[in-house]
N, C-alpha and C. Protein backbone atom coordinates (compact mmCIF):
# COMPACT_ATOMS: atom_id res chain seq x y z
N MET A 1 2.97 -16.06 6.03
CA MET A 1 3.98 -16.80 5.32
C MET A 1 4.59 -17.85 6.24
N ALA A 2 4.85 -17.47 7.50
CA ALA A 2 5.46 -18.41 8.44
C ALA A 2 4.54 -19.61 8.68
N GLU A 3 3.25 -19.36 8.78
CA GLU A 3 2.30 -20.47 8.99
C GLU A 3 2.37 -21.48 7.85
N VAL A 4 2.49 -20.99 6.64
CA VAL A 4 2.57 -21.89 5.48
C VAL A 4 3.88 -22.66 5.52
N CYS A 5 4.97 -21.98 5.90
CA CYS A 5 6.29 -22.62 5.92
C CYS A 5 6.39 -23.74 6.96
N VAL A 6 5.80 -23.55 8.12
CA VAL A 6 5.92 -24.54 9.18
C VAL A 6 4.72 -25.49 9.27
N GLY A 7 3.70 -25.22 8.48
CA GLY A 7 2.50 -26.05 8.52
C GLY A 7 2.63 -27.33 7.72
N ALA A 8 1.58 -28.10 7.74
CA ALA A 8 1.54 -29.35 6.98
C ALA A 8 1.63 -29.06 5.48
N PRO A 9 2.23 -29.97 4.73
CA PRO A 9 2.32 -29.76 3.29
C PRO A 9 0.93 -29.57 2.67
N LEU A 10 0.81 -28.63 1.79
CA LEU A 10 -0.47 -28.32 1.16
C LEU A 10 -0.77 -29.21 -0.03
N ARG A 11 0.28 -29.70 -0.66
CA ARG A 11 0.12 -30.43 -1.92
C ARG A 11 -0.61 -29.56 -2.93
N GLY A 12 -0.33 -28.27 -2.86
CA GLY A 12 -0.98 -27.33 -3.76
C GLY A 12 -0.38 -25.94 -3.62
N THR A 13 -1.13 -24.95 -3.98
CA THR A 13 -0.68 -23.57 -3.98
C THR A 13 -1.44 -22.77 -2.95
N ARG A 14 -0.77 -21.89 -2.26
CA ARG A 14 -1.42 -20.99 -1.30
C ARG A 14 -1.14 -19.56 -1.78
N ASN A 15 -2.20 -18.83 -2.06
CA ASN A 15 -2.06 -17.43 -2.44
C ASN A 15 -2.00 -16.57 -1.19
N VAL A 16 -0.99 -15.71 -1.12
CA VAL A 16 -0.81 -14.79 0.00
C VAL A 16 -0.74 -13.39 -0.57
N ALA A 17 -1.48 -12.47 0.05
CA ALA A 17 -1.49 -11.08 -0.42
C ALA A 17 -1.52 -10.15 0.78
N GLY A 18 -1.25 -8.89 0.52
CA GLY A 18 -1.30 -7.89 1.58
C GLY A 18 -2.70 -7.30 1.69
N PRO A 19 -2.90 -6.49 2.71
CA PRO A 19 -4.23 -5.93 2.94
C PRO A 19 -4.58 -4.77 2.01
N GLU A 20 -3.63 -4.33 1.19
CA GLU A 20 -3.87 -3.20 0.30
C GLU A 20 -3.76 -3.63 -1.16
N VAL A 21 -4.38 -2.88 -2.04
CA VAL A 21 -4.32 -3.14 -3.48
C VAL A 21 -3.67 -1.95 -4.15
N PHE A 22 -2.64 -2.22 -4.98
CA PHE A 22 -1.94 -1.17 -5.71
C PHE A 22 -1.81 -1.54 -7.18
N THR A 23 -1.67 -0.54 -8.02
CA THR A 23 -1.28 -0.79 -9.41
C THR A 23 0.24 -1.00 -9.40
N LEU A 24 0.77 -1.58 -10.47
CA LEU A 24 2.20 -1.86 -10.52
C LEU A 24 3.03 -0.58 -10.44
N ASP A 25 2.55 0.50 -11.06
CA ASP A 25 3.33 1.75 -10.98
C ASP A 25 3.31 2.31 -9.56
N GLU A 26 2.22 2.12 -8.83
CA GLU A 26 2.17 2.56 -7.44
C GLU A 26 3.16 1.78 -6.58
N VAL A 27 3.27 0.48 -6.82
CA VAL A 27 4.22 -0.34 -6.08
C VAL A 27 5.64 0.20 -6.30
N GLY A 28 5.94 0.55 -7.54
CA GLY A 28 7.25 1.12 -7.84
C GLY A 28 7.49 2.43 -7.11
N ARG A 29 6.51 3.30 -7.10
CA ARG A 29 6.65 4.59 -6.41
C ARG A 29 6.86 4.41 -4.91
N ILE A 30 6.09 3.51 -4.33
CA ILE A 30 6.19 3.26 -2.89
C ILE A 30 7.56 2.68 -2.54
N ALA A 31 8.02 1.73 -3.34
CA ALA A 31 9.33 1.10 -3.09
C ALA A 31 10.46 2.13 -3.21
N LEU A 32 10.42 2.97 -4.22
CA LEU A 32 11.45 3.99 -4.38
C LEU A 32 11.43 4.98 -3.21
N ALA A 33 10.24 5.42 -2.83
CA ALA A 33 10.11 6.38 -1.73
C ALA A 33 10.65 5.79 -0.42
N ALA A 34 10.42 4.50 -0.20
CA ALA A 34 10.90 3.86 1.03
C ALA A 34 12.42 3.87 1.12
N ARG A 35 13.07 3.95 -0.02
CA ARG A 35 14.54 3.99 -0.05
C ARG A 35 15.08 5.41 -0.20
N GLY A 36 14.19 6.37 -0.20
CA GLY A 36 14.62 7.76 -0.37
C GLY A 36 15.04 8.08 -1.79
N ASP A 37 14.65 7.25 -2.73
CA ASP A 37 14.99 7.42 -4.14
C ASP A 37 13.96 8.34 -4.78
N GLN A 38 14.39 9.44 -5.35
CA GLN A 38 13.47 10.43 -5.89
C GLN A 38 13.21 10.29 -7.39
N ARG A 39 13.60 9.15 -7.95
CA ARG A 39 13.31 8.96 -9.38
C ARG A 39 11.81 8.93 -9.61
N THR A 40 11.42 9.29 -10.82
CA THR A 40 10.01 9.33 -11.20
C THR A 40 9.62 8.03 -11.89
N VAL A 41 8.49 7.49 -11.50
CA VAL A 41 7.94 6.31 -12.16
C VAL A 41 6.96 6.79 -13.22
N ILE A 42 7.19 6.38 -14.45
CA ILE A 42 6.32 6.78 -15.56
C ILE A 42 5.57 5.54 -16.04
N THR A 43 4.27 5.65 -16.14
CA THR A 43 3.46 4.54 -16.60
C THR A 43 3.47 4.51 -18.12
N ASP A 44 3.81 3.35 -18.67
CA ASP A 44 3.83 3.16 -20.13
C ASP A 44 2.73 2.17 -20.48
N ASN A 45 1.64 2.66 -21.01
CA ASN A 45 0.50 1.80 -21.34
C ASN A 45 0.76 0.87 -22.52
N ASN A 46 1.91 1.01 -23.16
CA ASN A 46 2.28 0.13 -24.27
C ASN A 46 3.45 -0.77 -23.89
N ALA A 47 3.60 -1.07 -22.62
CA ALA A 47 4.77 -1.77 -22.11
C ALA A 47 4.71 -3.29 -22.25
N GLY A 48 3.87 -3.78 -23.08
CA GLY A 48 3.85 -5.22 -23.32
C GLY A 48 2.94 -5.97 -22.37
N LYS A 49 3.41 -7.09 -21.90
CA LYS A 49 2.64 -8.05 -21.11
C LYS A 49 1.84 -7.41 -19.98
N TYR A 50 2.47 -6.58 -19.15
CA TYR A 50 1.77 -6.01 -18.00
C TYR A 50 0.93 -4.80 -18.37
N ALA A 51 1.19 -4.19 -19.50
CA ALA A 51 0.37 -3.06 -19.93
C ALA A 51 -1.04 -3.51 -20.30
N VAL A 52 -1.16 -4.74 -20.73
CA VAL A 52 -2.48 -5.23 -21.12
C VAL A 52 -3.24 -5.85 -19.95
N ALA A 53 -2.59 -5.95 -18.78
CA ALA A 53 -3.26 -6.48 -17.59
C ALA A 53 -4.08 -5.35 -16.98
N SER A 54 -5.37 -5.41 -17.20
CA SER A 54 -6.22 -4.32 -16.74
C SER A 54 -7.11 -4.76 -15.58
N SER A 55 -7.72 -3.79 -14.97
CA SER A 55 -8.69 -4.01 -13.90
C SER A 55 -8.06 -4.76 -12.74
N ASP A 56 -8.66 -5.87 -12.33
CA ASP A 56 -8.19 -6.58 -11.14
C ASP A 56 -7.59 -7.95 -11.47
N VAL A 57 -7.03 -8.11 -12.66
CA VAL A 57 -6.55 -9.43 -13.05
C VAL A 57 -5.35 -9.90 -12.24
N LEU A 58 -4.60 -9.00 -11.61
CA LEU A 58 -3.45 -9.40 -10.82
C LEU A 58 -3.76 -9.44 -9.33
N ILE A 59 -5.02 -9.35 -8.96
CA ILE A 59 -5.44 -9.37 -7.57
C ILE A 59 -5.87 -10.78 -7.18
N VAL A 60 -5.38 -11.24 -6.03
CA VAL A 60 -5.75 -12.59 -5.59
C VAL A 60 -7.23 -12.65 -5.26
N LYS A 61 -7.80 -13.79 -5.49
CA LYS A 61 -9.22 -13.99 -5.24
C LYS A 61 -9.41 -15.31 -4.49
N GLY A 62 -10.61 -15.53 -4.05
CA GLY A 62 -10.94 -16.81 -3.44
C GLY A 62 -10.40 -16.96 -2.05
N ASP A 63 -9.70 -18.07 -1.83
CA ASP A 63 -9.26 -18.41 -0.47
C ASP A 63 -7.86 -17.90 -0.14
N ALA A 64 -7.46 -16.79 -0.69
CA ALA A 64 -6.13 -16.23 -0.42
C ALA A 64 -6.01 -15.84 1.05
N VAL A 65 -4.81 -15.99 1.57
CA VAL A 65 -4.50 -15.54 2.92
C VAL A 65 -4.12 -14.07 2.81
N ILE A 66 -4.83 -13.21 3.54
CA ILE A 66 -4.54 -11.78 3.50
C ILE A 66 -3.70 -11.43 4.73
N ALA A 67 -2.47 -11.01 4.48
CA ALA A 67 -1.55 -10.66 5.56
C ALA A 67 -2.00 -9.37 6.24
N LYS A 68 -1.62 -9.19 7.49
CA LYS A 68 -1.98 -7.98 8.23
C LYS A 68 -0.98 -6.84 7.98
N THR A 69 0.23 -7.18 7.60
CA THR A 69 1.28 -6.18 7.39
C THR A 69 1.08 -5.47 6.06
N THR A 70 1.11 -4.14 6.09
CA THR A 70 0.98 -3.37 4.85
C THR A 70 2.30 -3.39 4.09
N TYR A 71 2.26 -3.06 2.83
CA TYR A 71 3.46 -3.03 2.00
C TYR A 71 4.47 -2.01 2.53
N ARG A 72 4.00 -0.84 2.90
CA ARG A 72 4.89 0.20 3.44
C ARG A 72 5.56 -0.26 4.75
N ASP A 73 4.77 -0.90 5.62
CA ASP A 73 5.33 -1.40 6.87
C ASP A 73 6.36 -2.49 6.61
N TRP A 74 6.07 -3.37 5.66
CA TRP A 74 7.00 -4.44 5.33
C TRP A 74 8.31 -3.87 4.79
N LEU A 75 8.23 -2.85 3.92
CA LEU A 75 9.43 -2.23 3.39
C LEU A 75 10.24 -1.53 4.49
N ALA A 76 9.56 -0.97 5.47
CA ALA A 76 10.23 -0.24 6.54
C ALA A 76 11.03 -1.16 7.45
N ARG A 77 10.69 -2.44 7.46
CA ARG A 77 11.42 -3.38 8.32
C ARG A 77 12.74 -3.66 7.70
């Protein structure tokens, strides 16, 4: 992220992602656990817009920059 911020203007979009792939409900569970929150995340397959996003449609592809920091490590900071 820092490289993009201080680098030359892209005149476009730069996709940045982490080294791991999670479903949205997993991201919620990990975020809650990092805060010591014991609430339960329940997956609702009829939840509208994101419920119909299946497979790898939310995963960056192509020339994305893959960060070295994991999601758990980032949350711990």
